[in-house]
Protein backbone atom coordinates (compact mmCIF):
# COMPACT_ATOMS: atom_id res chain seq x y z
CA MET A 1 -0.01 -0.06 0.09
CA PRO A 2 1.18 3.44 -0.75
CA ASP A 3 2.31 5.72 1.85
CA TYR A 4 0.52 9.08 2.13
CA SER A 5 1.86 12.93 3.89
CA VAL A 6 -1.66 14.16 5.70
CA ARG A 7 -1.73 17.58 7.36
CA LEU A 8 -4.65 17.16 10.17
CA LEU A 9 -6.08 19.70 12.41
CA GLY A 10 -5.96 18.10 16.21
CA PRO A 11 -5.58 19.07 19.85
CA GLY A 12 -2.42 20.14 19.07
CA GLY A 13 -2.65 22.18 16.20
CA VAL A 14 -2.11 21.14 12.41
CA THR A 15 0.28 18.43 12.47
CA GLN A 16 1.97 16.63 9.30
CA ARG A 17 1.94 12.43 9.93
CA THR A 18 2.92 10.01 7.58
CA VAL A 19 0.31 6.94 6.91
CA THR A 20 0.32 3.93 5.03
CA ALA A 21 -3.11 3.42 3.22
CA GLY A 22 -4.95 1.73 0.74
CA ASP A 23 -5.75 5.03 -1.17
CA ALA A 24 -6.24 8.56 -0.27
CA GLN A 25 -9.91 8.30 0.82
CA SER A 26 -9.09 5.47 3.67
CA VAL A 27 -6.54 7.92 5.48
CA ALA A 28 -9.01 9.20 7.70
CA ALA A 29 -10.20 5.75 9.02
CA GLN A 30 -6.84 4.96 9.23
CA LEU A 31 -5.77 7.37 11.17
CA GLY A 32 -9.00 7.45 13.42
CA VAL A 33 -10.17 10.78 13.22
CA PRO A 34 -13.12 12.43 11.65
CA PRO A 35 -12.55 12.96 7.91
CA SER A 36 -13.40 17.16 8.52
CA HIS A 37 -10.02 17.23 10.59
CA ILE A 38 -7.35 16.18 7.12
CA LEU A 39 -6.38 19.39 5.73
CA SER A 40 -4.30 17.77 3.06
CA VAL A 41 -3.38 14.57 1.63
CA SER A 42 -0.42 13.38 -1.02
CA PRO A 43 1.78 11.11 -1.84
CA ALA A 44 4.42 10.77 0.66
CA ALA A 45 7.39 11.00 -2.46
CA ALA A 46 6.13 14.61 -3.30
CA ALA A 47 5.00 15.50 0.02
CA ALA A 48 8.55 17.70 1.11
CA PRO A 49 8.16 21.49 0.77
CA ARG A 50 10.24 22.91 -0.91
CA ALA A 51 12.43 25.37 1.92
CA GLY A 52 13.21 29.17 1.36
CA ARG A 53 10.06 29.56 -1.02
CA ALA A 54 7.37 30.58 1.89
CA ARG A 55 9.04 34.35 1.95
CA ALA A 56 8.41 34.86 -1.73
CA PHE A 57 4.26 34.54 -1.26
CA PRO A 58 3.19 38.05 -0.42
CA LEU A 59 0.71 36.53 2.45
CA ARG A 60 0.18 40.01 3.71
CA LEU A 61 -1.36 41.44 0.64
CA PHE A 62 -3.00 38.26 0.36
CA SER A 63 -4.86 38.48 3.27
CA GLN A 64 -5.94 41.93 2.73
CA GLU A 65 -7.34 41.83 -0.61
CA LEU A 66 -9.25 38.08 -0.27
CA SER A 67 -10.96 39.94 2.72
CA VAL A 68 -12.02 43.26 0.55
CA LEU A 69 -13.16 40.74 -2.22
CA LEU A 70 -15.25 38.86 0.60
CA GLY A 71 -16.20 41.64 1.75
CA ALA A 72 -17.87 43.19 -1.42
CA GLY A 73 -20.07 39.58 -1.67
CA ILE A 74 -17.67 38.13 -3.57
CA PRO A 75 -17.60 34.09 -3.57
CA LEU A 76 -14.55 33.03 -2.59
CA LEU A 77 -14.04 30.63 -5.28
CA GLU A 78 -14.15 33.54 -7.52
CA ALA A 79 -12.00 35.87 -5.37
CA LEU A 80 -9.11 33.19 -5.55
CA VAL A 81 -9.61 33.42 -9.06
CA THR A 82 -9.85 36.96 -9.31
CA LEU A 83 -6.12 37.22 -7.68
CA GLN A 84 -4.74 34.65 -9.53
CA GLU A 85 -5.55 36.55 -12.74
CA LYS A 86 -3.96 39.68 -11.16
CA GLU A 87 -0.64 38.14 -10.55
CA THR A 88 2.03 38.66 -12.47
CA THR A 89 4.60 36.34 -10.45
CA PRO A 90 4.62 32.87 -11.82
CA GLY A 91 5.42 31.01 -8.51
CA VAL A 92 2.48 33.59 -6.42
CA ALA A 93 -0.06 32.61 -9.38
CA ALA A 94 0.60 29.11 -9.45
CA ALA A 95 0.04 28.94 -6.01
CA LEU A 96 -3.17 30.67 -6.20
CA GLY A 97 -4.39 28.39 -8.89
CA ALA A 98 -3.54 25.30 -6.68
CA VAL A 99 -5.45 26.52 -3.67
CA ALA A 100 -9.07 27.24 -6.43
CA ASP A 101 -8.24 23.71 -7.78
CA GLY A 102 -8.65 22.71 -4.05
CA LEU A 103 -11.93 23.92 -4.06
CA ARG A 104 -13.23 23.23 -7.42
CA ARG A 105 -12.32 19.16 -6.39
CA GLY A 106 -14.80 19.53 -3.20
CA GLU A 107 -11.99 20.41 -0.54
CA PRO A 108 -12.13 23.21 2.23
CA PHE A 109 -10.12 26.05 2.27
CA SER A 110 -7.65 25.09 4.68
CA GLY A 111 -7.20 22.17 3.20
CA ALA A 112 -6.63 23.82 -0.15
CA LEU A 113 -4.15 26.02 1.96
CA ALA A 114 -2.52 23.35 3.80
CA ALA A 115 -1.68 21.72 0.20
CA ARG A 116 0.79 24.23 -0.22
CA PRO A 117 3.02 24.66 2.86
CA GLU A 118 5.56 26.48 0.57
CA ALA A 119 3.43 29.56 0.29
CA PHE A 120 0.67 29.25 3.55
CA ASP A 121 2.04 28.45 6.83
CA ALA A 122 0.52 26.55 9.52
CA LEU A 123 -0.67 30.00 11.22
CA PHE A 124 -2.46 31.24 8.66
CA VAL A 125 -4.00 27.37 7.93
CA ALA A 126 -5.22 27.40 11.76
CA ILE A 127 -6.95 31.08 11.81
CA VAL A 128 -8.59 29.98 8.68
CA SER A 129 -9.68 26.78 9.20
CA SER A 130 -11.04 28.03 13.03
CA ALA A 131 -12.56 30.70 11.04
CA GLU A 132 -14.59 28.52 8.51
CA ARG A 133 -16.11 26.53 11.71
CA THR A 134 -17.26 30.26 12.94
CA GLY A 135 -17.98 32.04 9.37
CA GLN A 136 -15.77 34.73 10.40
CA LEU A 137 -13.40 34.51 7.26
CA ARG A 138 -13.05 38.35 6.21
CA GLU A 139 -12.67 39.08 10.38
CA ALA A 140 -9.78 36.47 10.45
CA LEU A 141 -8.21 37.93 7.22
CA GLN A 142 -8.17 40.98 8.78
CA SER A 143 -7.18 40.12 11.82
CA HIS A 144 -3.83 38.03 10.31
CA ALA A 145 -3.12 41.12 7.93
CA ALA A 146 -3.30 43.56 10.62
CA TYR A 147 -0.74 41.04 12.57
CA LEU A 148 1.96 40.69 9.74
CA ALA A 149 1.98 44.16 9.09
CA TRP A 150 2.67 44.86 12.81
CA VAL A 151 5.47 42.09 12.05
CA ASP A 152 6.60 44.21 9.15
CA ASP A 153 6.69 47.37 10.62
CA LEU A 154 8.44 45.95 14.19
CA ARG A 155 10.79 44.48 11.52
CA GLY A 156 11.45 47.79 9.58
CA LYS A 157 12.03 50.14 12.96
CA LEU A 158 14.88 47.68 13.95
CA VAL A 159 16.42 47.36 10.22
CA ASN A 160 16.19 51.17 9.66
CA ALA A 161 17.99 51.87 13.19
CA MET A 162 20.69 49.56 11.95
CA ILE A 163 21.20 50.73 8.88
CA TYR A 164 23.18 54.14 9.99
CA PRO A 165 25.25 52.26 12.31
CA ALA A 166 26.18 49.81 9.75
CA MET A 167 27.27 52.41 7.15
CA LEU A 168 29.53 54.21 10.25
CA ILE A 169 31.24 50.32 10.28
CA VAL A 170 31.55 50.01 6.61
CA ALA A 171 32.83 53.68 6.03
CA GLY A 172 35.37 53.62 8.75
CA LEU A 173 36.98 50.09 7.98
CA ALA A 174 37.24 51.26 4.01
CA VAL A 175 39.19 54.49 5.31
CA LEU A 176 40.99 52.25 7.77
CA VAL A 177 41.95 49.79 4.95
CA PHE A 178 42.71 53.24 2.43
CA LEU A 179 45.54 54.21 5.57
CA LEU A 180 47.37 50.86 5.21
CA VAL A 181 47.20 49.78 1.95
CA PHE A 182 48.46 53.61 0.55
CA VAL A 183 49.47 56.44 3.04
CA VAL A 184 51.20 53.91 6.08
CA PRO A 185 53.86 52.51 3.47
CA ARG A 186 54.46 55.88 1.69
CA PHE A 187 55.35 57.14 5.43
CA ALA A 188 57.12 53.88 5.99
CA GLY A 189 59.66 54.51 3.29
CA LEU A 190 59.88 57.81 3.88
CA LEU A 191 60.91 57.41 7.88
CA GLU A 192 63.16 53.91 7.42
CA GLY A 193 66.44 56.22 7.93
CA LEU A 194 64.99 56.87 11.19
CA SER A 195 63.45 53.96 12.34
CA GLY A 196 66.38 53.59 15.53
CA GLU A 197 64.50 57.01 16.89
CA LEU A 198 60.68 56.44 16.14
CA PRO A 199 58.47 55.53 18.98
CA ALA A 200 57.22 51.73 19.71
CA ALA A 201 53.88 51.70 18.30
CA SER A 202 54.76 54.31 15.49
CA LEU A 203 57.13 51.35 14.44
CA ALA A 204 54.82 48.82 14.91
CA LEU A 205 52.15 50.83 12.70
CA ILE A 206 54.98 50.95 10.27
CA GLU A 207 55.95 47.76 10.39
CA LEU A 208 52.09 46.99 9.70
CA GLY A 209 51.59 49.58 7.14
CA ARG A 210 54.90 47.49 5.15
CA ILE A 211 52.65 43.95 5.46
CA THR A 212 49.45 45.40 4.03
CA GLY A 213 51.32 47.60 1.47
CA GLY A 214 52.79 44.59 0.17
CA HIS A 215 49.50 42.58 0.30
CA PRO A 216 47.16 45.18 -1.09
CA TRP A 217 44.54 42.12 -2.13
CA LEU A 218 44.97 40.49 0.75
CA THR A 219 44.37 43.27 3.10
CA GLY A 220 41.22 44.86 1.13
CA ALA A 221 40.05 40.79 1.27
CA ALA A 222 40.48 40.92 5.01
CA GLY A 223 38.55 44.19 5.20
CA LEU A 224 35.86 42.95 3.20
CA ALA A 225 35.56 39.73 5.29
CA LEU A 226 34.83 41.87 8.54
CA VAL A 227 31.99 43.35 6.31
CA LEU A 228 30.43 40.54 4.84
CA GLY A 229 31.47 37.93 7.90
CA PRO A 230 28.25 38.96 10.14
CA VAL A 231 26.29 39.11 7.56
CA LEU A 232 27.04 34.98 6.28
CA ALA A 233 27.09 33.63 10.02
CA SER A 234 23.56 35.39 10.70
CA ARG A 235 22.25 33.03 7.78
CA HIS A 236 24.30 30.21 9.92
CA PRO A 237 21.57 28.47 12.39
CA ALA A 238 24.53 27.68 14.97
CA LEU A 239 26.01 31.06 14.42
CA ARG A 240 22.85 32.72 14.84
CA GLU A 241 21.47 31.32 18.31
CA ARG A 242 25.38 31.95 19.47
CA ALA A 243 24.94 35.92 18.61
CA LEU A 244 21.42 35.75 19.72
CA ASP A 245 22.24 34.28 22.89
CA ALA A 246 25.33 36.60 23.47
CA LEU A 247 23.15 39.59 22.64
CA TRP A 248 20.11 38.30 25.26
CA ALA A 249 22.88 38.02 27.79
CA LEU A 250 23.45 42.01 27.65
CA PRO A 251 22.35 43.64 30.88
CA TYR A 252 19.97 46.47 28.53
CA LEU A 253 19.57 44.93 25.11
CA GLY A 254 18.52 41.48 26.73
CA ASP A 255 15.39 42.65 28.79
CA LYS A 256 14.63 44.55 25.21
CA LEU A 257 14.85 41.68 23.41
CA ARG A 258 13.09 39.40 26.01
CA LEU A 259 10.11 42.15 25.96
CA LEU A 260 9.93 41.75 22.00
CA ALA A 261 9.47 38.23 21.90
CA LEU A 262 6.62 38.30 24.12
CA ALA A 263 5.12 41.07 22.87
CA ARG A 264 4.94 38.66 19.45
CA PHE A 265 3.54 35.76 21.94
CA TYR A 266 1.11 37.68 22.84
CA ARG A 267 0.10 39.57 19.86
CA THR A 268 0.04 35.81 18.10
CA GLY A 269 -2.16 34.36 20.86
CA SER A 270 -4.45 37.06 20.70
CA MET A 271 -4.89 36.25 16.58
CA LEU A 272 -5.47 32.97 17.10
CA LEU A 273 -7.91 32.82 20.25
CA GLY A 274 -9.76 35.55 18.12
CA ALA A 275 -10.17 33.56 15.37
CA GLY A 276 -11.71 30.98 17.40
CA VAL A 277 -8.51 28.47 18.02
CA PRO A 278 -8.61 26.34 20.83
CA MET A 279 -6.32 27.63 23.81
CA VAL A 280 -3.71 24.33 23.93
CA PRO A 281 -3.30 24.41 20.01
CA ALA A 282 -2.92 28.24 19.91
CA LEU A 283 -0.42 28.10 22.35
CA ARG A 284 1.57 25.06 20.29
CA ILE A 285 1.35 27.44 16.76
CA THR A 286 2.59 30.32 18.68
CA ARG A 287 6.01 27.60 19.81
CA ALA A 288 6.87 28.98 16.01
CA VAL A 289 6.89 32.23 16.22
CA ILE A 290 7.91 32.60 19.72
CA ALA A 291 12.28 33.20 20.04
CA PRO A 292 14.09 30.01 20.46
CA ARG A 293 15.24 30.97 24.08
CA LEU A 294 11.51 30.75 25.37
CA ARG A 295 10.65 27.75 24.02
CA VAL A 296 11.46 25.62 26.69
CA SER A 297 9.29 28.18 28.98
CA LEU A 298 6.08 27.82 26.34
CA ASP A 299 6.45 23.51 26.43
CA GLY A 300 6.08 24.13 30.38
CA ALA A 301 3.12 26.81 29.80
CA ILE A 302 1.20 24.20 27.42
CA ASP A 303 1.87 21.40 29.46
CA ALA A 304 0.48 23.30 32.75
CA VAL A 305 -2.46 24.50 30.71
CA SER A 306 -3.17 21.16 29.17
CA HIS A 307 -3.54 19.47 32.86
CA GLY A 308 -6.30 22.44 33.61
CA GLU A 309 -3.97 25.68 34.83
CA ARG A 310 -5.27 28.94 34.03
CA LEU A 311 -3.11 30.95 31.39
CA SER A 312 -2.48 33.59 33.73
CA VAL A 313 -0.65 31.31 36.20
CA ALA A 314 1.20 29.35 33.77
CA ILE A 315 2.50 32.17 32.18
CA GLU A 316 3.78 33.53 35.40
CA ARG A 317 5.11 30.51 36.90
CA HIS A 318 7.13 29.74 33.75
CA GLY A 319 8.60 33.23 32.67
CA LEU A 320 6.45 34.39 30.15
CA SER A 321 4.82 37.49 31.21
CA THR A 322 5.26 40.97 32.90
CA PRO A 323 3.57 42.36 35.70
CA VAL A 324 1.33 44.21 33.67
CA ALA A 325 0.76 41.56 31.06
CA VAL A 326 -0.48 38.90 33.77
CA ARG A 327 -2.62 41.56 35.06
CA MET A 328 -4.24 41.94 31.73
CA VAL A 329 -4.32 38.02 31.09
CA ARG A 330 -5.99 37.61 34.92
CA VAL A 331 -8.76 40.44 33.69
CA GLY A 332 -9.29 38.78 30.30
CA GLU A 333 -9.80 35.07 32.07
CA ARG A 334 -12.78 36.69 34.21
CA SER A 335 -14.45 38.68 31.13
CA GLY A 336 -14.36 36.27 28.90
CA GLU A 337 -11.93 38.70 26.80
CA LEU A 338 -8.70 36.64 27.40
CA GLY A 339 -7.65 37.01 23.25
CA GLY A 340 -8.37 41.34 23.27
CA MET A 341 -6.73 41.17 26.88
CA LEU A 342 -3.51 39.68 25.24
CA GLY A 343 -3.69 41.97 22.31
CA LYS A 344 -3.73 44.62 24.61
CA ALA A 345 -0.79 43.52 26.26
CA ALA A 346 1.43 43.39 23.48
CA ALA A 347 0.51 47.08 22.38
CA PHE A 348 1.26 48.07 25.95
CA TYR A 349 4.54 47.36 24.86
CA ASP A 350 4.85 48.88 21.84
CA GLU A 351 5.67 52.00 22.72
CA GLU A 352 8.22 50.46 24.59
CA LEU A 353 9.77 48.36 22.02
CA ALA A 354 9.72 51.63 19.54
CA ARG A 355 12.13 53.50 22.28
CA LEU A 356 14.83 50.64 21.27
CA SER A 357 15.55 51.97 17.94
CA GLU A 358 15.65 55.51 19.46
CA VAL A 359 18.43 53.98 21.78
CA VAL A 360 20.15 53.02 19.29
CA THR A 361 20.06 56.18 17.22
CA ARG A 362 21.16 57.86 20.14
CA LEU A 363 23.79 56.16 21.93
CA VAL A 364 24.83 53.45 19.40
CA ASN A 365 25.77 56.05 17.07
CA PRO A 366 27.51 58.24 18.66
CA VAL A 367 29.62 55.48 20.62
CA LEU A 368 30.64 53.87 16.98
CA MET A 369 31.57 57.33 16.03
CA LEU A 370 33.62 57.94 18.56
CA LEU A 371 35.03 54.61 18.11
CA MET A 372 35.57 54.24 14.52
CA GLY A 373 37.20 58.00 14.79
CA GLY A 374 39.44 56.99 17.55
CA VAL A 375 40.74 54.05 15.42
CA ILE A 376 41.67 56.31 12.48
CA GLY A 377 42.78 59.06 14.61
CA THR A 378 45.06 56.67 16.47
CA VAL A 379 46.73 55.39 12.99
CA ILE A 380 46.72 59.37 11.59
CA VAL A 381 48.86 60.63 14.99
CA LEU A 382 50.88 57.33 15.02
CA MET A 383 52.17 58.43 11.55
CA TYR A 384 52.97 62.07 12.24
CA LEU A 385 54.32 61.56 15.29
CA PRO A 386 57.62 61.14 14.23
CA ILE A 387 57.86 64.09 12.18
CA PHE A 388 56.96 65.79 14.98
CA GLN A 389 59.72 64.15 16.91
CA LEU A 390 62.28 65.00 14.09
CA VAL A 391 61.06 68.75 14.43
CA GLU A 392 61.78 68.67 17.85
CA GLN A 393 65.31 67.58 17.47
CA VAL A 394 66.18 69.99 14.49
CA GLN A 395 65.32 72.60 16.49
């Protein structure tokens, strides 16, 4: 019998399993779950998603446009076909066409989305699956688009805050390489006859200038490596994790990064609960978006909530709360508006997180300017120091 890769919605959220069955129709019976819980069934050989393609799909724009079309009274299938016809990117059009084909075959919308994991992540599929049961698909899409807008805006603020420091570092390294390759070697040649009377620091700089002047391409490559090294290292999972661990250990920045991770956790949970996803599956889905350093704590909180503990108690005991957030969650539990209170807890810290970019602008940038200016100024002073010493001897 063939093997099938099955994506199904269970108590733990959207999961993927491989099962051996006579045909695709008998998969649900083989797993012992209702057919409505099956999101997609595909041959196991063709089930592996292509890594790196998920970001190519404009999920935020898709949620916004589909919500507008549904709000205008256009049926879901017709809305998908409309979006496919206007799309000029082949990969995006193919994904929309595959979802539309799934609807034509009678699949639920969430099942058709789950069959394209390279375009639609588990978070989006879970929201749509719950919205199908509540009949609030348009509202759920609006909520998801707003969530992605918040994530993009926050990412944009952090990136913008890092642009100027990056430019300072690149410019400073370029000036330093220029001095070591072209300027210092010429001074070394002029001062060779005075080498015995030069200060030790100037002698060391001149010797370095001889080496860099004799190997200009190697020096330029070393400077380029200093610029590109962090960028390439950030794409290596193990190195990226070590760098993040180092940042989390910093006194001020670590607290801000933790607050950023918690804000995203609260906002994701708010969106899922608002879409009708049950508490435990919602928490398990948020595991994919929470910072890796907090996943062990989240697993403990999930286990506690699964055994009947209140969310406010679980997140406080496992270090996933702040004094403000835990009080808001308690109010939400008493009022039945837990999803809304999680969203308010995240919004409470939006201004706090916005200050992070101000700190980078007001503190990090001047510090970097002082450091780069100090390094370049030291090189220049060490070059001219022998000349000043020679003038004093002549006088």
